[in-house]
Amino acid sequence: MIGWTVTVAGQTVPQDGFIISTDWTPMSSHAHIMPVSPQDYLEGEKTAQVRHEYVAGRVFALAGGSQSHNLINGNLLYALKTHLRGGACKVFVNDLKVEAKANEVYYYPDLMVTCDPSDDGEYVKKRPVLIVEILSPSTETTDRREKWVHYQRLETLREYVLVSQDARRVEVFRRAGDAWDVETFEGDETVNLDSVGVRVGMGEVYEGVMA
């Protein structure tokens, strides 16, 4: 197991694995974290009991999701997998990483779709066409700002989707040349995912969560 130490308030605490921080709030001025190499991070994640994301030498433990989060993720996975079955595109859930910036930024999207046969990494994908994040109070700011900044730089990405847990609301950010357009779906509308040719009704997205 990869390990290192963290100094907090003058005390050196050994770290087995990557449990450093459970959110994206900047660490206190009393805390000092030794940077972790991307190679150590990627190797350590293969055996870590908790998933971690990686940004410029720092690792962040991911908290568990809610029931609503789980149901929405499952609903979208089913809709995408049903449509994409037998084709070149494959959908992956949140146990697989995306390399948002080579050797610097690695995230675990809630869902992503890749269509490039050469994007065959067992643990990391590099060429997604679609990424979906389900918003929660603890992650929404990161999903809308930090992650979005990095995701935009993925040359193959055509759509970035943000799904609300507490309202029937889905935002689709769609690449339009060098810019991005956003289309918002609410109520009983049908969500258009042009990147993979999928149309999903709001009733399907929120089945078991809200009427």
C-alpha atoms as a PDB file:
ATOM      1  CA  MET A   1       0.000   0.000   0.000  1.00  0.00           C
ATOM      2  CA  ILE A   2       1.290   3.444  -0.909  1.00  0.00           C
ATOM      3  CA  GLY A   3       1.576   5.688   2.133  1.00  0.00           C
ATOM      4  CA  TRP A   4       2.926   9.010   3.431  1.00  0.00           C
ATOM      5  CA  THR A   5       2.566  11.364   6.375  1.00  0.00           C
ATOM      6  CA  VAL A   6       0.517  14.505   6.951  1.00  0.00           C
ATOM      7  CA  THR A   7       1.462  17.163   9.486  1.00  0.00           C
ATOM      8  CA  VAL A   8      -1.530  18.691  11.253  1.00  0.00           C
ATOM      9  CA  ALA A   9      -1.167  21.244  14.054  1.00  0.00           C
ATOM     10  CA  GLY A  10       2.413  20.120  14.636  1.00  0.00           C
ATOM     11  CA  GLN A  11       1.550  16.403  14.800  1.00  0.00           C
ATOM     12  CA  THR A  12       2.789  13.969  12.142  1.00  0.00           C
ATOM     13  CA  VAL A  13       0.048  11.531  11.194  1.00  0.00           C
ATOM     14  CA  PRO A  14       0.845   8.456   9.051  1.00  0.00           C
ATOM     15  CA  GLN A  15      -1.482   7.953   6.082  1.00  0.00           C
ATOM     16  CA  ASP A  16      -2.111   4.469   4.726  1.00  0.00           C
ATOM     17  CA  GLY A  17      -3.664   4.952   1.307  1.00  0.00           C
ATOM     18  CA  PHE A  18      -5.198   8.285   0.378  1.00  0.00           C
ATOM     19  CA  ILE A  19      -7.590   9.445   3.112  1.00  0.00           C
ATOM     20  CA  ILE A  20      -6.568  13.082   3.235  1.00  0.00           C
ATOM     21  CA  SER A  21      -9.664  15.255   2.792  1.00  0.00           C
ATOM     22  CA  THR A  22     -13.371  14.498   2.371  1.00  0.00           C
ATOM     23  CA  ASP A  23     -14.224  17.696   0.494  1.00  0.00           C
ATOM     24  CA  TRP A  24     -12.699  20.382  -1.685  1.00  0.00           C
ATOM     25  CA  THR A  25     -12.464  23.051   1.026  1.00  0.00           C
ATOM     26  CA  PRO A  26      -8.909  24.406   1.270  1.00  0.00           C
ATOM     27  CA  MET A  27      -6.973  22.881   4.146  1.00  0.00           C
ATOM     28  CA  SER A  28      -6.335  24.911   7.297  1.00  0.00           C
ATOM     29  CA  SER A  29      -3.143  26.952   7.462  1.00  0.00           C
ATOM     30  CA  HIS A  30      -2.083  24.531  10.227  1.00  0.00           C
ATOM     31  CA  ALA A  31      -2.074  21.557   7.841  1.00  0.00           C
ATOM     32  CA  HIS A  32       0.692  20.601   5.418  1.00  0.00           C
ATOM     33  CA  ILE A  33       0.331  17.847   2.858  1.00  0.00           C
ATOM     34  CA  MET A  34       3.266  16.357   0.998  1.00  0.00           C
ATOM     35  CA  PRO A  35       2.479  16.137  -2.740  1.00  0.00           C
ATOM     36  CA  VAL A  36       1.756  12.702  -4.179  1.00  0.00           C
ATOM     37  CA  SER A  37       3.048  11.679  -7.583  1.00  0.00           C
ATOM     38  CA  PRO A  38       0.444  10.684 -10.197  1.00  0.00           C
ATOM     39  CA  GLN A  39       2.126   7.289 -10.470  1.00  0.00           C
ATOM     40  CA  ASP A  40       1.752   6.619  -6.734  1.00  0.00           C
ATOM     41  CA  TYR A  41      -1.834   7.861  -6.813  1.00  0.00           C
ATOM     42  CA  LEU A  42      -2.855   5.623  -9.709  1.00  0.00           C
ATOM     43  CA  GLU A  43      -1.159   2.585  -8.208  1.00  0.00           C
ATOM     44  CA  GLY A  44      -2.588   3.221  -4.756  1.00  0.00           C
ATOM     45  CA  GLU A  45      -6.141   3.565  -6.076  1.00  0.00           C
ATOM     46  CA  LYS A  46      -6.064  -0.020  -7.304  1.00  0.00           C
ATOM     47  CA  THR A  47      -6.162  -1.267  -3.702  1.00  0.00           C
ATOM     48  CA  ALA A  48      -7.605   1.703  -1.780  1.00  0.00           C
ATOM     49  CA  GLN A  49     -10.787   1.007   0.185  1.00  0.00           C
ATOM     50  CA  VAL A  50     -12.044   4.555  -0.465  1.00  0.00           C
ATOM     51  CA  ARG A  51     -12.023   6.311  -3.844  1.00  0.00           C
ATOM     52  CA  HIS A  52      -9.971   9.487  -4.195  1.00  0.00           C
ATOM     53  CA  GLU A  53      -9.671  12.190  -6.790  1.00  0.00           C
ATOM     54  CA  TYR A  54      -6.349  13.794  -7.663  1.00  0.00           C
ATOM     55  CA  VAL A  55      -5.494  17.409  -8.449  1.00  0.00           C
ATOM     56  CA  ALA A  56      -1.914  18.602  -8.878  1.00  0.00           C
ATOM     57  CA  GLY A  57      -0.342  16.338  -6.277  1.00  0.00           C
ATOM     58  CA  ARG A  58      -3.204  16.420  -3.766  1.00  0.00           C
ATOM     59  CA  VAL A  59      -5.701  13.642  -3.160  1.00  0.00           C
ATOM     60  CA  PHE A  60      -9.270  13.995  -1.909  1.00  0.00           C
ATOM     61  CA  ALA A  61     -11.398  11.190  -0.461  1.00  0.00           C
ATOM     62  CA  LEU A  62     -14.913  10.913  -1.891  1.00  0.00           C
ATOM     63  CA  ALA A  63     -17.916  10.716   0.401  1.00  0.00           C
ATOM     64  CA  GLY A  64     -20.727   8.227  -0.176  1.00  0.00           C
ATOM     65  CA  GLY A  65     -23.815   9.206  -2.149  1.00  0.00           C
ATOM     66  CA  SER A  66     -27.457   9.492  -1.120  1.00  0.00           C
ATOM     67  CA  GLN A  67     -30.310   7.169  -2.076  1.00  0.00           C
ATOM     68  CA  SER A  68     -31.563   9.720  -4.611  1.00  0.00           C
ATOM     69  CA  HIS A  69     -28.097  10.006  -6.120  1.00  0.00           C
ATOM     70  CA  ASN A  70     -27.867   6.243  -6.459  1.00  0.00           C
ATOM     71  CA  LEU A  71     -31.300   5.887  -8.050  1.00  0.00           C
ATOM     72  CA  ILE A  72     -30.724   8.678 -10.579  1.00  0.00           C
ATOM     73  CA  ASN A  73     -27.342   7.242 -11.501  1.00  0.00           C
ATOM     74  CA  GLY A  74     -28.877   3.813 -12.002  1.00  0.00           C
ATOM     75  CA  ASN A  75     -31.713   5.198 -14.109  1.00  0.00           C
ATOM     76  CA  LEU A  76     -29.333   7.041 -16.411  1.00  0.00           C
ATOM     77  CA  LEU A  77     -26.999   4.052 -16.625  1.00  0.00           C
ATOM     78  CA  TYR A  78     -29.891   1.833 -17.698  1.00  0.00           C
ATOM     79  CA  ALA A  79     -31.109   4.315 -20.322  1.00  0.00           C
ATOM     80  CA  LEU A  80     -27.644   4.818 -21.791  1.00  0.00           C
ATOM     81  CA  LYS A  81     -26.629   1.165 -21.688  1.00  0.00           C
ATOM     82  CA  THR A  82     -29.880   0.063 -23.319  1.00  0.00           C
ATOM     83  CA  HIS A  83     -29.409   2.484 -26.199  1.00  0.00           C
ATOM     84  CA  LEU A  84     -25.660   1.914 -26.668  1.00  0.00           C
ATOM     85  CA  ARG A  85     -25.667  -1.872 -26.409  1.00  0.00           C
ATOM     86  CA  GLY A  86     -23.941  -3.497 -29.381  1.00  0.00           C
ATOM     87  CA  GLY A  87     -22.296  -0.295 -30.604  1.00  0.00           C
ATOM     88  CA  ALA A  88     -18.833   1.199 -30.317  1.00  0.00           C
ATOM     89  CA  CYS A  89     -19.735   3.461 -27.377  1.00  0.00           C
ATOM     90  CA  LYS A  90     -19.537   2.211 -23.801  1.00  0.00           C
ATOM     91  CA  VAL A  91     -20.930   3.712 -20.607  1.00  0.00           C
ATOM     92  CA  PHE A  92     -19.034   3.586 -17.307  1.00  0.00           C
ATOM     93  CA  VAL A  93     -20.186   4.334 -13.776  1.00  0.00           C
ATOM     94  CA  ASN A  94     -18.352   6.089 -10.969  1.00  0.00           C
ATOM     95  CA  ASP A  95     -15.696   3.459 -10.236  1.00  0.00           C
ATOM     96  CA  LEU A  96     -13.637   4.463 -13.274  1.00  0.00           C
ATOM     97  CA  LYS A  97     -11.461   7.565 -13.498  1.00  0.00           C
ATOM     98  CA  VAL A  98     -11.178  10.142 -16.254  1.00  0.00           C
ATOM     99  CA  GLU A  99      -7.847  11.841 -16.880  1.00  0.00           C
ATOM    100  CA  ALA A 100      -8.931  15.477 -17.118  1.00  0.00           C
ATOM    101  CA  LYS A 101      -5.355  16.705 -17.501  1.00  0.00           C
ATOM    102  CA  ALA A 102      -2.431  14.388 -18.198  1.00  0.00           C
ATOM    103  CA  ASN A 103      -0.576  13.433 -15.009  1.00  0.00           C
ATOM    104  CA  GLU A 104      -2.237  16.271 -13.086  1.00  0.00           C
ATOM    105  CA  VAL A 105      -6.013  15.818 -12.704  1.00  0.00           C
ATOM    106  CA  TYR A 106      -8.050  12.640 -12.242  1.00  0.00           C
ATOM    107  CA  TYR A 107     -11.759  12.544 -11.374  1.00  0.00           C
ATOM    108  CA  TYR A 108     -14.423   9.875 -10.893  1.00  0.00           C
ATOM    109  CA  PRO A 109     -17.440  11.065 -12.926  1.00  0.00           C
ATOM    110  CA  ASP A 110     -20.826   9.663 -11.944  1.00  0.00           C
ATOM    111  CA  LEU A 111     -21.217   8.470 -15.540  1.00  0.00           C
ATOM    112  CA  MET A 112     -19.188   8.802 -18.714  1.00  0.00           C
ATOM    113  CA  VAL A 113     -19.370   7.455 -22.240  1.00  0.00           C
ATOM    114  CA  THR A 114     -16.416   6.728 -24.495  1.00  0.00           C
ATOM    115  CA  CYS A 115     -16.664   5.802 -28.174  1.00  0.00           C
ATOM    116  CA  ASP A 116     -12.986   5.501 -29.137  1.00  0.00           C
ATOM    117  CA  PRO A 117     -11.797   1.851 -29.263  1.00  0.00           C
ATOM    118  CA  SER A 118      -8.267   3.009 -28.456  1.00  0.00           C
ATOM    119  CA  ASP A 119      -9.467   4.457 -25.141  1.00  0.00           C
ATOM    120  CA  ASP A 120      -9.103   1.048 -23.540  1.00  0.00           C
ATOM    121  CA  GLY A 121      -7.450   1.773 -20.192  1.00  0.00           C
ATOM    122  CA  GLU A 122      -8.548  -0.636 -17.492  1.00  0.00           C
ATOM    123  CA  TYR A 123      -8.705   1.999 -14.744  1.00  0.00           C
ATOM    124  CA  VAL A 124      -8.532   5.384 -16.523  1.00  0.00           C
ATOM    125  CA  LYS A 125     -10.347   6.797 -19.561  1.00  0.00           C
ATOM    126  CA  LYS A 126      -8.948   9.732 -21.542  1.00  0.00           C
ATOM    127  CA  ARG A 127     -11.349  10.373 -24.436  1.00  0.00           C
ATOM    128  CA  PRO A 128     -14.962  10.603 -23.205  1.00  0.00           C
ATOM    129  CA  VAL A 129     -17.672  12.156 -25.369  1.00  0.00           C
ATOM    130  CA  LEU A 130     -20.163  12.505 -22.501  1.00  0.00           C
ATOM    131  CA  ILE A 131     -19.722  13.119 -18.768  1.00  0.00           C
ATOM    132  CA  VAL A 132     -22.551  13.223 -16.227  1.00  0.00           C
ATOM    133  CA  GLU A 133     -22.325  14.555 -12.674  1.00  0.00           C
ATOM    134  CA  ILE A 134     -25.236  14.333 -10.216  1.00  0.00           C
ATOM    135  CA  LEU A 135     -25.273  17.414  -8.018  1.00  0.00           C
ATOM    136  CA  SER A 136     -25.243  17.328  -4.227  1.00  0.00           C
ATOM    137  CA  PRO A 137     -24.779  20.111  -1.643  1.00  0.00           C
ATOM    138  CA  SER A 138     -21.172  19.048  -1.015  1.00  0.00           C
ATOM    139  CA  THR A 139     -20.127  18.717  -4.678  1.00  0.00           C
ATOM    140  CA  GLU A 140     -22.167  21.220  -6.672  1.00  0.00           C
ATOM    141  CA  THR A 141     -19.664  24.063  -6.483  1.00  0.00           C
ATOM    142  CA  THR A 142     -16.833  21.776  -7.585  1.00  0.00           C
ATOM    143  CA  ASP A 143     -18.917  20.243 -10.378  1.00  0.00           C
ATOM    144  CA  ARG A 144     -19.898  23.672 -11.710  1.00  0.00           C
ATOM    145  CA  ARG A 145     -16.522  25.342 -11.410  1.00  0.00           C
ATOM    146  CA  GLU A 146     -13.341  23.338 -10.940  1.00  0.00           C
ATOM    147  CA  LYS A 147     -14.384  20.160 -12.722  1.00  0.00           C
ATOM    148  CA  TRP A 148     -16.071  22.068 -15.515  1.00  0.00           C
ATOM    149  CA  VAL A 149     -12.893  24.075 -16.163  1.00  0.00           C
ATOM    150  CA  HIS A 150     -10.912  20.854 -16.563  1.00  0.00           C
ATOM    151  CA  TYR A 151     -13.556  18.931 -18.481  1.00  0.00           C
ATOM    152  CA  GLN A 152     -13.807  21.652 -21.136  1.00  0.00           C
ATOM    153  CA  ARG A 153     -10.205  20.938 -22.080  1.00  0.00           C
ATOM    154  CA  LEU A 154     -10.966  17.352 -23.063  1.00  0.00           C
ATOM    155  CA  GLU A 155     -10.854  17.520 -26.855  1.00  0.00           C
ATOM    156  CA  THR A 156     -13.290  14.643 -27.339  1.00  0.00           C
ATOM    157  CA  LEU A 157     -15.911  15.843 -24.847  1.00  0.00           C
ATOM    158  CA  ARG A 158     -19.118  16.929 -26.576  1.00  0.00           C
ATOM    159  CA  GLU A 159     -21.520  17.181 -23.624  1.00  0.00           C
ATOM    160  CA  TYR A 160     -21.281  17.771 -19.892  1.00  0.00           C
ATOM    161  CA  VAL A 161     -24.472  17.048 -17.964  1.00  0.00           C
ATOM    162  CA  LEU A 162     -25.446  18.258 -14.487  1.00  0.00           C
ATOM    163  CA  VAL A 163     -28.417  16.536 -12.857  1.00  0.00           C
ATOM    164  CA  SER A 164     -30.226  17.960  -9.817  1.00  0.00           C
ATOM    165  CA  GLN A 165     -31.259  15.618  -6.996  1.00  0.00           C
ATOM    166  CA  ASP A 166     -33.945  17.803  -5.432  1.00  0.00           C
ATOM    167  CA  ALA A 167     -35.771  19.081  -8.547  1.00  0.00           C
ATOM    168  CA  ARG A 168     -36.567  17.743 -11.993  1.00  0.00           C
ATOM    169  CA  ARG A 169     -33.821  19.724 -13.658  1.00  0.00           C
ATOM    170  CA  VAL A 170     -31.057  18.629 -16.041  1.00  0.00           C
ATOM    171  CA  GLU A 171     -28.508  20.988 -17.598  1.00  0.00           C
ATOM    172  CA  VAL A 172     -26.670  19.907 -20.738  1.00  0.00           C
ATOM    173  CA  PHE A 173     -23.551  21.869 -21.684  1.00  0.00           C
ATOM    174  CA  ARG A 174     -22.927  21.163 -25.359  1.00  0.00           C
ATOM    175  CA  ARG A 175     -19.812  21.965 -27.355  1.00  0.00           C
ATOM    176  CA  ALA A 176     -20.461  24.432 -30.199  1.00  0.00           C
ATOM    177  CA  GLY A 177     -17.164  24.963 -32.003  1.00  0.00           C
ATOM    178  CA  ASP A 178     -14.853  26.804 -29.628  1.00  0.00           C
ATOM    179  CA  ALA A 179     -17.702  27.704 -27.269  1.00  0.00           C
ATOM    180  CA  TRP A 180     -20.282  25.859 -25.182  1.00  0.00           C
ATOM    181  CA  ASP A 181     -24.053  26.219 -25.195  1.00  0.00           C
ATOM    182  CA  VAL A 182     -26.292  25.152 -22.323  1.00  0.00           C
ATOM    183  CA  GLU A 183     -29.769  23.641 -22.628  1.00  0.00           C
ATOM    184  CA  THR A 184     -31.877  23.188 -19.499  1.00  0.00           C
ATOM    185  CA  PHE A 185     -34.622  20.579 -19.219  1.00  0.00           C
ATOM    186  CA  GLU A 186     -37.298  20.695 -16.509  1.00  0.00           C
ATOM    187  CA  GLY A 187     -40.668  19.215 -15.578  1.00  0.00           C
ATOM    188  CA  ASP A 188     -41.821  16.578 -18.057  1.00  0.00           C
ATOM    189  CA  GLU A 189     -39.445  17.481 -20.879  1.00  0.00           C
ATOM    190  CA  THR A 190     -37.261  14.977 -22.693  1.00  0.00           C
ATOM    191  CA  VAL A 191     -33.510  15.299 -22.250  1.00  0.00           C
ATOM    192  CA  ASN A 192     -31.557  15.289 -25.523  1.00  0.00           C
ATOM    193  CA  LEU A 193     -28.055  13.832 -25.336  1.00  0.00           C
ATOM    194  CA  ASP A 194     -26.887  14.551 -28.861  1.00  0.00           C
ATOM    195  CA  SER A 195     -23.354  13.255 -28.241  1.00  0.00           C
ATOM    196  CA  VAL A 196     -24.657   9.684 -28.099  1.00  0.00           C
ATOM    197  CA  GLY A 197     -28.013  10.073 -29.836  1.00  0.00           C
ATOM    198  CA  VAL A 198     -30.056   9.354 -26.709  1.00  0.00           C
ATOM    199  CA  ARG A 199     -33.366  10.893 -25.618  1.00  0.00           C
ATOM    200  CA  VAL A 200     -34.396  10.289 -21.997  1.00  0.00           C
ATOM    201  CA  GLY A 201     -37.675  11.409 -20.452  1.00  0.00           C
ATOM    202  CA  MET A 202     -37.593  13.144 -17.088  1.00  0.00           C
ATOM    203  CA  GLY A 203     -39.823  10.369 -15.764  1.00  0.00           C
ATOM    204  CA  GLU A 204     -37.060   7.889 -16.564  1.00  0.00           C
ATOM    205  CA  VAL A 205     -34.324  10.057 -15.044  1.00  0.00           C
ATOM    206  CA  TYR A 206     -36.202  10.527 -11.766  1.00  0.00           C
ATOM    207  CA  GLU A 207     -38.002   7.192 -11.533  1.00  0.00           C
ATOM    208  CA  GLY A 208     -38.222   6.165  -7.887  1.00  0.00           C
ATOM    209  CA  VAL A 209     -37.004   9.586  -6.742  1.00  0.00           C
ATOM    210  CA  MET A 210     -39.840  12.034  -7.416  1.00  0.00           C
ATOM    211  CA  ALA A 211     -43.081  12.064  -9.376  1.00  0.00           C
END
